PDB file of N, CA and C in Angstrom:
ATOM      1  N   MET A   1      72.315  58.861  80.537  1.00  0.00           N
ATOM      2  CA  MET A   1      72.544  57.612  79.826  1.00  0.00           C
ATOM      3  C   MET A   1      72.530  58.995  78.789  1.00  0.00           C
ATOM      4  N   ASN A   2      72.229  59.519  77.751  1.00  0.00           N
ATOM      5  CA  ASN A   2      72.662  60.389  76.721  1.00  0.00           C
ATOM      6  C   ASN A   2      73.666  60.391  76.710  1.00  0.00           C
ATOM      7  N   GLU A   3      74.578  60.927  77.208  1.00  0.00           N
ATOM      8  CA  GLU A   3      75.932  60.364  76.824  1.00  0.00           C
ATOM      9  C   GLU A   3      76.523  58.701  76.537  1.00  0.00           C
ATOM     10  N   ASP A   4      76.271  57.974  77.091  1.00  0.00           N
ATOM     11  CA  ASP A   4      76.005  56.602  76.688  1.00  0.00           C
ATOM     12  C   ASP A   4      75.746  56.775  74.955  1.00  0.00           C
ATOM     13  N   ARG A   5      74.258  56.637  75.068  1.00  0.00           N
ATOM     14  CA  ARG A   5      74.080  56.559  73.385  1.00  0.00           C
ATOM     15  C   ARG A   5      74.658  58.011  72.335  1.00  0.00           C
ATOM     16  N   GLU A   6      75.051  59.111  73.477  1.00  0.00           N
ATOM     17  CA  GLU A   6      76.294  59.987  72.293  1.00  0.00           C
ATOM     18  C   GLU A   6      77.540  58.981  71.511  1.00  0.00           C
ATOM     19  N   VAL A   7      77.834  58.118  72.254  1.00  0.00           N
ATOM     20  CA  VAL A   7      79.544  57.263  71.576  1.00  0.00           C
ATOM     21  C   VAL A   7      78.873  56.432  71.212  1.00  0.00           C
ATOM     22  N   LEU A   8      78.607  55.941  71.402  1.00  0.00           N
ATOM     23  CA  LEU A   8      77.626  54.867  70.798  1.00  0.00           C
ATOM     24  C   LEU A   8      77.059  55.367  68.899  1.00  0.00           C
ATOM     25  N   LYS A   9      76.238  56.309  68.540  1.00  0.00           N
ATOM     26  CA  LYS A   9      76.279  56.926  67.857  1.00  0.00           C
ATOM     27  C   LYS A   9      77.910  57.095  67.031  1.00  0.00           C
ATOM     28  N   LEU A  10      79.010  58.129  67.736  1.00  0.00           N
ATOM     29  CA  LEU A  10      80.059  58.589  67.418  1.00  0.00           C
ATOM     30  C   LEU A  10      80.454  57.556  66.308  1.00  0.00           C
ATOM     31  N   VAL A  11      80.914  55.890  67.738  1.00  0.00           N
ATOM     32  CA  VAL A  11      81.357  55.476  67.091  1.00  0.00           C
ATOM     33  C   VAL A  11      79.982  54.538  65.704  1.00  0.00           C
ATOM     34  N   GLY A  12      79.099  54.445  65.720  1.00  0.00           N
ATOM     35  CA  GLY A  12      78.179  53.826  64.586  1.00  0.00           C
ATOM     36  C   GLY A  12      78.810  54.361  63.164  1.00  0.00           C
ATOM     37  N   ALA A  13      78.339  55.787  63.092  1.00  0.00           N
ATOM     38  CA  ALA A  13      78.465  56.988  62.176  1.00  0.00           C
ATOM     39  C   ALA A  13      80.622  56.576  61.397  1.00  0.00           C
ATOM     40  N   ARG A  14      81.352  56.498  62.712  1.00  0.00           N
ATOM     41  CA  ARG A  14      82.488  55.908  62.447  1.00  0.00           C
ATOM     42  C   ARG A  14      82.907  54.249  61.251  1.00  0.00           C
ATOM     43  N   ILE A  15      81.689  53.742  62.124  1.00  0.00           N
ATOM     44  CA  ILE A  15      82.107  52.649  61.441  1.00  0.00           C
ATOM     45  C   ILE A  15      81.615  52.540  60.177  1.00  0.00           C
ATOM     46  N   ARG A  16      80.040  53.409  59.944  1.00  0.00           N
ATOM     47  CA  ARG A  16      79.279  53.679  58.576  1.00  0.00           C
ATOM     48  C   ARG A  16      80.760  54.769  57.283  1.00  0.00           C
ATOM     49  N   ALA A  17      81.077  55.197  58.400  1.00  0.00           N
ATOM     50  CA  ALA A  17      82.314  55.919  57.193  1.00  0.00           C
ATOM     51  C   ALA A  17      83.412  54.999  56.607  1.00  0.00           C
ATOM     52  N   LEU A  18      83.852  54.014  57.531  1.00  0.00           N
ATOM     53  CA  LEU A  18      84.778  53.404  56.760  1.00  0.00           C
ATOM     54  C   LEU A  18      84.325  52.590  56.027  1.00  0.00           C
ATOM     55  N   ARG A  19      82.818  52.454  56.765  1.00  0.00           N
ATOM     56  CA  ARG A  19      82.405  51.147  55.152  1.00  0.00           C
ATOM     57  C   ARG A  19      82.295  51.722  53.835  1.00  0.00           C
ATOM     58  N   LYS A  20      81.929  53.380  54.013  1.00  0.00           N
ATOM     59  CA  LYS A  20      81.709  53.629  52.492  1.00  0.00           C
ATOM     60  C   LYS A  20      82.783  53.802  52.355  1.00  0.00           C
ATOM     61  N   GLU A  21      83.452  54.177  52.832  1.00  0.00           N
ATOM     62  CA  GLU A  21      84.997  54.710  52.144  1.00  0.00           C
ATOM     63  C   GLU A  21      85.776  53.263  51.629  1.00  0.00           C
ATOM     64  N   LYS A  22      85.504  52.132  52.320  1.00  0.00           N
ATOM     65  CA  LYS A  22      86.226  50.797  51.916  1.00  0.00           C
ATOM     66  C   LYS A  22      85.227  50.688  50.026  1.00  0.00           C
ATOM     67  N   GLY A  23      83.486  51.110  50.088  1.00  0.00           N
ATOM     68  CA  GLY A  23      82.321  50.509  48.898  1.00  0.00           C
ATOM     69  C   GLY A  23      81.853  50.263  49.534  1.00  0.00           C
ATOM     70  N   TYR A  24      81.827  48.946  50.914  1.00  0.00           N
ATOM     71  CA  TYR A  24      80.860  48.097  51.195  1.00  0.00           C
ATOM     72  C   TYR A  24      79.637  48.564  52.016  1.00  0.00           C
ATOM     73  N   SER A  25      78.953  47.816  51.095  1.00  0.00           N
ATOM     74  CA  SER A  25      77.624  47.070  52.366  1.00  0.00           C
ATOM     75  C   SER A  25      77.474  46.668  52.983  1.00  0.00           C
ATOM     76  N   GLN A  26      76.047  47.278  53.580  1.00  0.00           N
ATOM     77  CA  GLN A  26      76.484  46.947  55.593  1.00  0.00           C
ATOM     78  C   GLN A  26      75.547  45.134  55.042  1.00  0.00           C
ATOM     79  N   GLU A  27      75.099  44.981  54.231  1.00  0.00           N
ATOM     80  CA  GLU A  27      75.010  43.395  53.900  1.00  0.00           C
ATOM     81  C   GLU A  27      76.465  42.839  53.271  1.00  0.00           C
ATOM     82  N   SER A  28      77.970  43.516  52.850  1.00  0.00           N
ATOM     83  CA  SER A  28      78.301  42.996  52.274  1.00  0.00           C
ATOM     84  C   SER A  28      79.647  43.516  53.716  1.00  0.00           C
ATOM     85  N   LEU A  29      79.305  44.048  54.276  1.00  0.00           N
ATOM     86  CA  LEU A  29      80.145  44.355  55.267  1.00  0.00           C
ATOM     87  C   LEU A  29      79.770  42.795  56.457  1.00  0.00           C
ATOM     88  N   GLY A  30      78.829  42.188  56.606  1.00  0.00           N
ATOM     89  CA  GLY A  30      78.016  42.247  57.982  1.00  0.00           C
ATOM     90  C   GLY A  30      79.071  40.685  57.133  1.00  0.00           C
ATOM     91  N   GLU A  31      78.470  39.953  55.775  1.00  0.00           N
ATOM     92  CA  GLU A  31      79.027  38.489  55.913  1.00  0.00           C
ATOM     93  C   GLU A  31      80.413  38.531  55.362  1.00  0.00           C
ATOM     94  N   LYS A  32      81.581  39.378  55.765  1.00  0.00           N
ATOM     95  CA  LYS A  32      83.021  39.402  56.285  1.00  0.00           C
ATOM     96  C   LYS A  32      82.954  39.143  57.529  1.00  0.00           C
ATOM     97  N   GLY A  33      82.706  39.514  58.554  1.00  0.00           N
ATOM     98  CA  GLY A  33      82.824  40.042  59.901  1.00  0.00           C
ATOM     99  C   GLY A  33      81.739  38.871  60.495  1.00  0.00           C
ATOM    100  N   GLY A  34      80.444  37.812  60.009  1.00  0.00           N
ATOM    101  CA  GLY A  34      79.279  36.906  60.487  1.00  0.00           C
ATOM    102  C   GLY A  34      78.437  37.531  61.243  1.00  0.00           C
ATOM    103  N   PHE A  35      78.174  38.808  60.733  1.00  0.00           N
ATOM    104  CA  PHE A  35      76.954  39.769  61.244  1.00  0.00           C
ATOM    105  C   PHE A  35      76.109  39.669  59.995  1.00  0.00           C
ATOM    106  N   HIS A  36      74.854  39.883  60.620  1.00  0.00           N
ATOM    107  CA  HIS A  36      73.705  40.144  59.775  1.00  0.00           C
ATOM    108  C   HIS A  36      73.306  41.179  59.372  1.00  0.00           C
ATOM    109  N   PHE A  37      73.179  41.684  58.018  1.00  0.00           N
ATOM    110  CA  PHE A  37      73.545  43.208  57.162  1.00  0.00           C
ATOM    111  C   PHE A  37      72.451  44.250  58.695  1.00  0.00           C
ATOM    112  N   SER A  38      70.579  43.566  59.555  1.00  0.00           N
ATOM    113  CA  SER A  38      70.604  44.459  59.795  1.00  0.00           C
ATOM    114  C   SER A  38      71.342  44.796  61.554  1.00  0.00           C
ATOM    115  N   TYR A  39      72.197  44.099  62.049  1.00  0.00           N
ATOM    116  CA  TYR A  39      72.677  44.033  63.510  1.00  0.00           C
ATOM    117  C   TYR A  39      74.004  46.098  62.696  1.00  0.00           C
ATOM    118  N   ILE A  40      74.207  45.085  61.516  1.00  0.00           N
ATOM    119  CA  ILE A  40      75.212  46.769  60.728  1.00  0.00           C
ATOM    120  C   ILE A  40      74.425  47.314  60.902  1.00  0.00           C
ATOM    121  N   GLY A  41      73.805  47.406  60.895  1.00  0.00           N
ATOM    122  CA  GLY A  41      72.599  49.064  60.833  1.00  0.00           C
ATOM    123  C   GLY A  41      72.182  49.483  62.480  1.00  0.00           C
ATOM    124  N   GLN A  42      72.068  48.648  62.829  1.00  0.00           N
ATOM    125  CA  GLN A  42      71.692  48.945  64.352  1.00  0.00           C
ATOM    126  C   GLN A  42      73.034  49.702  64.867  1.00  0.00           C
ATOM    127  N   ILE A  43      73.852  48.493  64.773  1.00  0.00           N
ATOM    128  CA  ILE A  43      75.591  50.198  65.097  1.00  0.00           C
ATOM    129  C   ILE A  43      75.970  51.146  64.600  1.00  0.00           C
ATOM    130  N   GLU A  44      75.489  50.960  63.536  1.00  0.00           N
ATOM    131  CA  GLU A  44      75.845  52.455  62.924  1.00  0.00           C
ATOM    132  C   GLU A  44      75.121  53.375  63.148  1.00  0.00           C
ATOM    133  N   ARG A  45      73.731  53.316  63.518  1.00  0.00           N
ATOM    134  CA  ARG A  45      72.893  53.977  64.494  1.00  0.00           C
ATOM    135  C   ARG A  45      72.511  54.731  65.622  1.00  0.00           C
ATOM    136  N   GLY A  46      73.895  53.469  66.055  1.00  0.00           N
ATOM    137  CA  GLY A  46      73.610  53.712  67.180  1.00  0.00           C
ATOM    138  C   GLY A  46      73.159  53.619  68.448  1.00  0.00           C
ATOM    139  N   GLU A  47      72.088  52.531  67.880  1.00  0.00           N
ATOM    140  CA  GLU A  47      70.886  51.109  68.667  1.00  0.00           C
ATOM    141  C   GLU A  47      71.787  50.077  69.200  1.00  0.00           C
ATOM    142  N   LYS A  48      72.848  49.929  69.411  1.00  0.00           N
ATOM    143  CA  LYS A  48      73.079  48.670  69.619  1.00  0.00           C
ATOM    144  C   LYS A  48      74.782  49.084  70.733  1.00  0.00           C
ATOM    145  N   ASN A  49      74.615  48.636  71.883  1.00  0.00           N
ATOM    146  CA  ASN A  49      75.709  49.120  72.747  1.00  0.00           C
ATOM    147  C   ASN A  49      76.915  47.786  71.992  1.00  0.00           C
ATOM    148  N   VAL A  50      77.245  47.614  71.146  1.00  0.00           N
ATOM    149  CA  VAL A  50      78.151  46.890  70.665  1.00  0.00           C
ATOM    150  C   VAL A  50      79.391  46.129  71.327  1.00  0.00           C
ATOM    151  N   SER A  51      79.614  44.425  71.945  1.00  0.00           N
ATOM    152  CA  SER A  51      81.198  44.258  72.358  1.00  0.00           C
ATOM    153  C   SER A  51      82.018  44.734  72.043  1.00  0.00           C
ATOM    154  N   LEU A  52      82.816  44.597  72.434  1.00  0.00           N
ATOM    155  CA  LEU A  52      84.837  44.939  72.485  1.00  0.00           C
ATOM    156  C   LEU A  52      84.629  43.767  70.953  1.00  0.00           C
ATOM    157  N   VAL A  53      84.750  42.637  71.312  1.00  0.00           N
ATOM    158  CA  VAL A  53      84.710  41.508  70.594  1.00  0.00           C
ATOM    159  C   VAL A  53      84.357  41.661  69.160  1.00  0.00           C
ATOM    160  N   ASN A  54      83.422  41.852  68.796  1.00  0.00           N
ATOM    161  CA  ASN A  54      81.970  42.522  67.723  1.00  0.00           C
ATOM    162  C   ASN A  54      82.915  43.229  67.439  1.00  0.00           C
ATOM    163  N   LEU A  55      83.713  44.758  67.652  1.00  0.00           N
ATOM    164  CA  LEU A  55      83.546  45.810  66.992  1.00  0.00           C
ATOM    165  C   LEU A  55      85.232  45.216  66.656  1.00  0.00           C
ATOM    166  N   ALA A  56      85.436  44.692  67.506  1.00  0.00           N
ATOM    167  CA  ALA A  56      87.614  44.196  66.862  1.00  0.00           C
ATOM    168  C   ALA A  56      86.648  43.272  65.523  1.00  0.00           C
ATOM    169  N   LYS A  57      86.041  42.193  65.500  1.00  0.00           N
ATOM    170  CA  LYS A  57      85.418  41.285  64.315  1.00  0.00           C
ATOM    171  C   LYS A  57      85.247  43.141  63.299  1.00  0.00           C
ATOM    172  N   ILE A  58      84.749  43.387  62.944  1.00  0.00           N
ATOM    173  CA  ILE A  58      84.183  45.234  62.219  1.00  0.00           C
ATOM    174  C   ILE A  58      85.523  45.703  61.898  1.00  0.00           C
ATOM    175  N   ALA A  59      86.483  45.832  62.867  1.00  0.00           N
ATOM    176  CA  ALA A  59      87.568  46.559  62.208  1.00  0.00           C
ATOM    177  C   ALA A  59      88.494  45.740  61.855  1.00  0.00           C
ATOM    178  N   GLU A  60      88.283  44.222  61.845  1.00  0.00           N
ATOM    179  CA  GLU A  60      89.184  43.120  60.881  1.00  0.00           C
ATOM    180  C   GLU A  60      88.754  43.156  58.916  1.00  0.00           C
ATOM    181  N   SER A  61      87.422  43.180  59.483  1.00  0.00           N
ATOM    182  CA  SER A  61      86.625  43.463  58.036  1.00  0.00           C
ATOM    183  C   SER A  61      86.543  44.847  57.692  1.00  0.00           C
ATOM    184  N   LEU A  62      86.282  45.783  58.268  1.00  0.00           N
ATOM    185  CA  LEU A  62      86.783  47.024  57.553  1.00  0.00           C
ATOM    186  C   LEU A  62      89.078  47.456  57.220  1.00  0.00           C
ATOM    187  N   GLU A  63      89.546  45.926  57.590  1.00  0.00           N
ATOM    188  CA  GLU A  63      91.150  46.120  57.597  1.00  0.00           C
ATOM    189  C   GLU A  63      91.753  47.196  57.657  1.00  0.00           C
ATOM    190  N   VAL A  64      90.923  47.484  59.504  1.00  0.00           N
ATOM    191  CA  VAL A  64      91.539  49.026  59.932  1.00  0.00           C
ATOM    192  C   VAL A  64      91.808  48.308  61.837  1.00  0.00           C
ATOM    193  N   ASN A  65      92.802  48.937  61.683  1.00  0.00           N
ATOM    194  CA  ASN A  65      93.093  49.038  63.736  1.00  0.00           C
ATOM    195  C   ASN A  65      92.019  49.317  64.010  1.00  0.00           C
ATOM    196  N   LEU A  66      91.464  48.802  65.744  1.00  0.00           N
ATOM    197  CA  LEU A  66      90.373  49.407  66.396  1.00  0.00           C
ATOM    198  C   LEU A  66      90.654  50.097  66.447  1.00  0.00           C
ATOM    199  N   ILE A  67      91.477  50.699  66.776  1.00  0.00           N
ATOM    200  CA  ILE A  67      91.642  51.973  67.783  1.00  0.00           C
ATOM    201  C   ILE A  67      91.034  53.171  66.385  1.00  0.00           C
ATOM    202  N   GLN A  68      90.954  52.768  65.052  1.00  0.00           N
ATOM    203  CA  GLN A  68      90.280  53.985  64.047  1.00  0.00           C
ATOM    204  C   GLN A  68      89.008  53.404  64.138  1.00  0.00           C
ATOM    205  N   LEU A  69      88.410  53.094  65.258  1.00  0.00           N
ATOM    206  CA  LEU A  69      86.847  52.769  64.873  1.00  0.00           C
ATOM    207  C   LEU A  69      86.466  53.859  66.301  1.00  0.00           C
ATOM    208  N   PHE A  70      87.340  54.746  66.443  1.00  0.00           N
ATOM    209  CA  PHE A  70      87.044  55.529  67.497  1.00  0.00           C
ATOM    210  C   PHE A  70      87.614  57.231  67.527  1.00  0.00           C
ATOM    211  N   ALA A  71      87.660  56.674  65.709  1.00  0.00           N
ATOM    212  CA  ALA A  71      89.379  58.267  65.862  1.00  0.00           C
ATOM    213  C   ALA A  71      88.042  58.590  65.105  1.00  0.00           C
ATOM    214  N   TYR A  72      86.352  58.910  65.550  1.00  0.00           N
ATOM    215  CA  TYR A  72      85.506  59.825  64.818  1.00  0.00           C
ATOM    216  C   TYR A  72      86.290  61.195  65.532  1.00  0.00           C
ATOM    217  N   VAL A  73      85.100  62.366  64.571  1.00  0.00           N
ATOM    218  CA  VAL A  73      84.875  63.742  64.586  1.00  0.00           C
ATOM    219  C   VAL A  73      83.692  64.052  65.653  1.00  0.00           C
ATOM    220  N   ASP A  74      83.992  64.763  66.647  1.00  0.00           N
ATOM    221  CA  ASP A  74      82.729  64.922  67.512  1.00  0.00           C
ATOM    222  C   ASP A  74      82.633  66.493  66.264  1.00  0.00           C
ATOM    223  N   GLU A  75      80.985  66.377  65.865  1.00  0.00           N
ATOM    224  CA  GLU A  75      80.515  67.906  64.930  1.00  0.00           C
ATOM    225  C   GLU A  75      80.835  68.844  65.876  1.00  0.00           C
ATOM    226  N   GLU A  76      80.322  68.509  67.351  1.00  0.00           N
ATOM    227  CA  GLU A  76      80.069  69.999  67.686  1.00  0.00           C
ATOM    228  C   GLU A  76      81.880  70.185  68.621  1.00  0.00           C
ATOM    229  N   PHE A  77      83.225  69.873  67.939  1.00  0.00           N
ATOM    230  CA  PHE A  77      83.940  70.238  67.949  1.00  0.00           C
ATOM    231  C   PHE A  77      84.538  71.046  66.928  1.00  0.00           C
ATOM    232  N   GLU A  78      85.006  71.901  66.903  1.00  0.00           N
ATOM    233  CA  GLU A  78      85.759  72.522  65.755  1.00  0.00           C
ATOM    234  C   GLU A  78      86.717  72.052  65.145  1.00  0.00           C
ATOM    235  N   VAL A  79      87.486  71.726  64.478  1.00  0.00           N
ATOM    236  CA  VAL A  79      88.984  70.950  63.374  1.00  0.00           C
ATOM    237  C   VAL A  79      89.843  71.896  63.360  1.00  0.00           C
ATOM    238  N   THR A  80      90.574  72.659  63.722  1.00  0.00           N
ATOM    239  CA  THR A  80      91.648  73.537  63.854  1.00  0.00           C
ATOM    240  C   THR A  80      92.777  73.619  62.829  1.00  0.00           C
ATOM    241  N   GLU A  81      93.162  73.863  62.370  1.00  0.00           N
ATOM    242  CA  GLU A  81      94.569  73.344  61.304  1.00  0.00           C
ATOM    243  C   GLU A  81      95.237  73.440  61.265  1.00  0.00           C
ATOM    244  N   ASP A  82      95.769  73.393  62.496  1.00  0.00           N
ATOM    245  CA  ASP A  82      96.509  72.144  63.225  1.00  0.00           C
ATOM    246  C   ASP A  82      95.763  70.535  63.086  1.00  0.00           C
ATOM    247  N   GLU A  83      95.533  70.652  64.392  1.00  0.00           N
ATOM    248  CA  GLU A  83      94.299  69.475  63.990  1.00  0.00           C
ATOM    249  C   GLU A  83      94.530  68.471  62.635  1.00  0.00           C
ATOM    250  N   LYS A  84      93.774  69.596  61.539  1.00  0.00           N
ATOM    251  CA  LYS A  84      93.962  69.005  60.390  1.00  0.00           C
ATOM    252  C   LYS A  84      95.553  68.151  59.873  1.00  0.00           C
ATOM    253  N   GLN A  85      96.054  69.241  60.044  1.00  0.00           N
ATOM    254  CA  GLN A  85      97.763  68.941  59.605  1.00  0.00           C
ATOM    255  C   GLN A  85      98.408  67.718  59.959  1.00  0.00           C
ATOM    256  N   ILE A  86      97.796  67.134  61.412  1.00  0.00           N
ATOM    257  CA  ILE A  86      98.331  66.074  62.137  1.00  0.00           C
ATOM    258  C   ILE A  86      97.036  65.091  61.433  1.00  0.00           C
ATOM    259  N   LYS A  87      96.553  65.490  61.247  1.00  0.00           N
ATOM    260  CA  LYS A  87      95.869  64.109  60.343  1.00  0.00           C
ATOM    261  C   LYS A  87      96.024  63.750  59.450  1.00  0.00           C
ATOM    262  N   GLU A  88      96.812  64.397  58.452  1.00  0.00           N
ATOM    263  CA  GLU A  88      97.334  64.646  57.431  1.00  0.00           C
ATOM    264  C   GLU A  88      98.620  63.759  57.518  1.00  0.00           C
ATOM    265  N   ILE A  89      99.347  64.234  58.403  1.00  0.00           N
ATOM    266  CA  ILE A  89     100.582  63.320  58.666  1.00  0.00           C
ATOM    267  C   ILE A  89     100.715  61.965  59.389  1.00  0.00           C
ATOM    268  N   VAL A  90      99.445  61.825  59.627  1.00  0.00           N
ATOM    269  CA  VAL A  90      99.449  60.684  61.067  1.00  0.00           C
ATOM    270  C   VAL A  90      99.029  59.717  59.469  1.00  0.00           C
ATOM    271  N   GLN A  91      98.586  60.143  58.881  1.00  0.00           N
ATOM    272  CA  GLN A  91      97.794  59.524  56.999  1.00  0.00           C
ATOM    273  C   GLN A  91      99.227  59.284  56.759  1.00  0.00           C
ATOM    274  N   LEU A  92      99.723  59.597  56.864  1.00  0.00           N
ATOM    275  CA  LEU A  92     101.170  59.957  55.640  1.00  0.00           C
ATOM    276  C   LEU A  92     101.512  58.550  56.099  1.00  0.00           C
ATOM    277  N   LEU A  93     101.997  58.555  57.699  1.00  0.00           N
ATOM    278  CA  LEU A  93     102.810  58.087  58.051  1.00  0.00           C
ATOM    279  C   LEU A  93     101.769  56.061  57.926  1.00  0.00           C
ATOM    280  N   ARG A  94     101.051  55.668  58.290  1.00  0.00           N
ATOM    281  CA  ARG A  94     100.141  55.143  57.748  1.00  0.00           C
ATOM    282  C   ARG A  94     100.286  53.948  57.175  1.00  0.00           C
ATOM    283  N   ASP A  95     100.837  54.774  55.896  1.00  0.00           N
ATOM    284  CA  ASP A  95     100.561  54.812  54.433  1.00  0.00           C
ATOM    285  C   ASP A  95     101.375  54.243  54.274  1.00  0.00           C
ATOM    286  N   SER A  96     102.324  54.073  54.922  1.00  0.00           N
ATOM    287  CA  SER A  96     104.056  54.563  54.471  1.00  0.00           C
ATOM    288  C   SER A  96     104.742  52.840  55.291  1.00  0.00           C
ATOM    289  N   ASN A  97     106.311  52.978  55.187  1.00  0.00           N
ATOM    290  CA  ASN A  97     107.095  51.621  55.757  1.00  0.00           C
ATOM    291  C   ASN A  97     107.519  51.803  56.790  1.00  0.00           C
ATOM    292  N   SER A  98     107.808  50.853  57.095  1.00  0.00           N
ATOM    293  CA  SER A  98     108.378  50.698  58.723  1.00  0.00           C
ATOM    294  C   SER A  98     109.974  52.099  58.593  1.00  0.00           C
ATOM    295  N   GLU A  99     110.970  51.823  57.587  1.00  0.00           N
ATOM    296  CA  GLU A  99     111.929  52.708  57.486  1.00  0.00           C
ATOM    297  C   GLU A  99     111.697  53.756  57.062  1.00  0.00           C
ATOM    298  N   HIS A 100     110.436  53.852  56.460  1.00  0.00           N
ATOM    299  CA  HIS A 100     109.726  55.665  56.292  1.00  0.00           C
ATOM    300  C   HIS A 100     109.472  55.929  57.878  1.00  0.00           C
ATOM    301  N   ILE A 101     108.444  55.351  58.357  1.00  0.00           N
ATOM    302  CA  ILE A 101     108.191  55.687  59.616  1.00  0.00           C
ATOM    303  C   ILE A 101     109.175  56.300  61.057  1.00  0.00           C
ATOM    304  N   ARG A 102     110.065  55.224  60.704  1.00  0.00           N
ATOM    305  CA  ARG A 102     111.948  55.495  61.471  1.00  0.00           C
ATOM    306  C   ARG A 102     112.301  56.810  61.009  1.00  0.00           C
ATOM    307  N   THR A 103     112.200  57.181  60.107  1.00  0.00           N
ATOM    308  CA  THR A 103     113.110  58.407  59.806  1.00  0.00           C
ATOM    309  C   THR A 103     112.298  59.451  60.091  1.00  0.00           C
ATOM    310  N   ALA A 104     110.622  59.431  59.550  1.00  0.00           N
ATOM    311  CA  ALA A 104     109.812  60.803  60.124  1.00  0.00           C
ATOM    312  C   ALA A 104     109.681  60.764  61.957  1.00  0.00           C
ATOM    313  N   LYS A 105     110.326  59.619  62.565  1.00  0.00           N
ATOM    314  CA  LYS A 105     110.283  59.916  63.950  1.00  0.00           C
ATOM    315  C   LYS A 105     111.831  60.753  64.222  1.00  0.00           C
ATOM    316  N   ASN A 106     112.394  59.953  64.022  1.00  0.00           N
ATOM    317  CA  ASN A 106     113.881  60.814  63.786  1.00  0.00           C
ATOM    318  C   ASN A 106     113.987  62.223  63.839  1.00  0.00           C
ATOM    319  N   VAL A 107     113.570  62.638  62.643  1.00  0.00           N
ATOM    320  CA  VAL A 107     112.864  63.852  62.020  1.00  0.00           C
ATOM    321  C   VAL A 107     112.522  64.685  63.012  1.00  0.00           C
ATOM    322  N   VAL A 108     111.037  64.037  63.230  1.00  0.00           N
ATOM    323  CA  VAL A 108     110.311  64.833  64.287  1.00  0.00           C
ATOM    324  C   VAL A 108     111.166  65.098  65.560  1.00  0.00           C
ATOM    325  N   LYS A 109     111.885  64.008  66.260  1.00  0.00           N
ATOM    326  CA  LYS A 109     112.583  64.282  67.572  1.00  0.00           C
ATOM    327  C   LYS A 109     113.430  64.985  66.886  1.00  0.00           C
ATOM    328  N   GLY A 110     114.031  65.576  66.096  1.00  0.00           N
ATOM    329  CA  GLY A 110     115.493  66.418  65.585  1.00  0.00           C
ATOM    330  C   GLY A 110     114.555  68.308  65.505  1.00  0.00           C
ATOM    331  N   ILE A 111     113.690  68.358  65.500  1.00  0.00           N
ATOM    332  CA  ILE A 111     112.978  68.944  65.281  1.00  0.00           C
ATOM    333  C   ILE A 111     112.401  70.457  66.414  1.00  0.00           C
ATOM    334  N   LEU A 112     112.036  68.938  67.261  1.00  0.00           N
ATOM    335  CA  LEU A 112     111.061  69.008  68.744  1.00  0.00           C
ATOM    336  C   LEU A 112     112.232  69.616  69.785  1.00  0.00           C
ATOM    337  N   MET A 113     113.008  68.301  69.557  1.00  0.00           N
ATOM    338  CA  MET A 113     114.303  68.470  70.628  1.00  0.00           C
ATOM    339  C   MET A 113     115.230  69.524  71.258  1.00  0.00           C
TER     340      MET A 113
END
């Protein structure tokens, strides 16, 4: 049961981080997704076992892909320099257009194969 709560807290912390990154209050995020601000607070504190449908609404309101809500880093997990570099590359790709993504894919394939 503690492991269940830990997942809820990690996802909630990720939602909080993304919300703050966007400059949204709990109230404004709630309004965008059709939720009461107290519900957003409960999710962020890991107190609510939120449904996948509601997570999708929250992701849409934050203007991120659903998978990004699960892209948290456990504080106990030490992030290596390689992991930091990979995260930076992924962010660069997310910010790129389709043509640049295809080019980057071909370059990486050429280097690794």
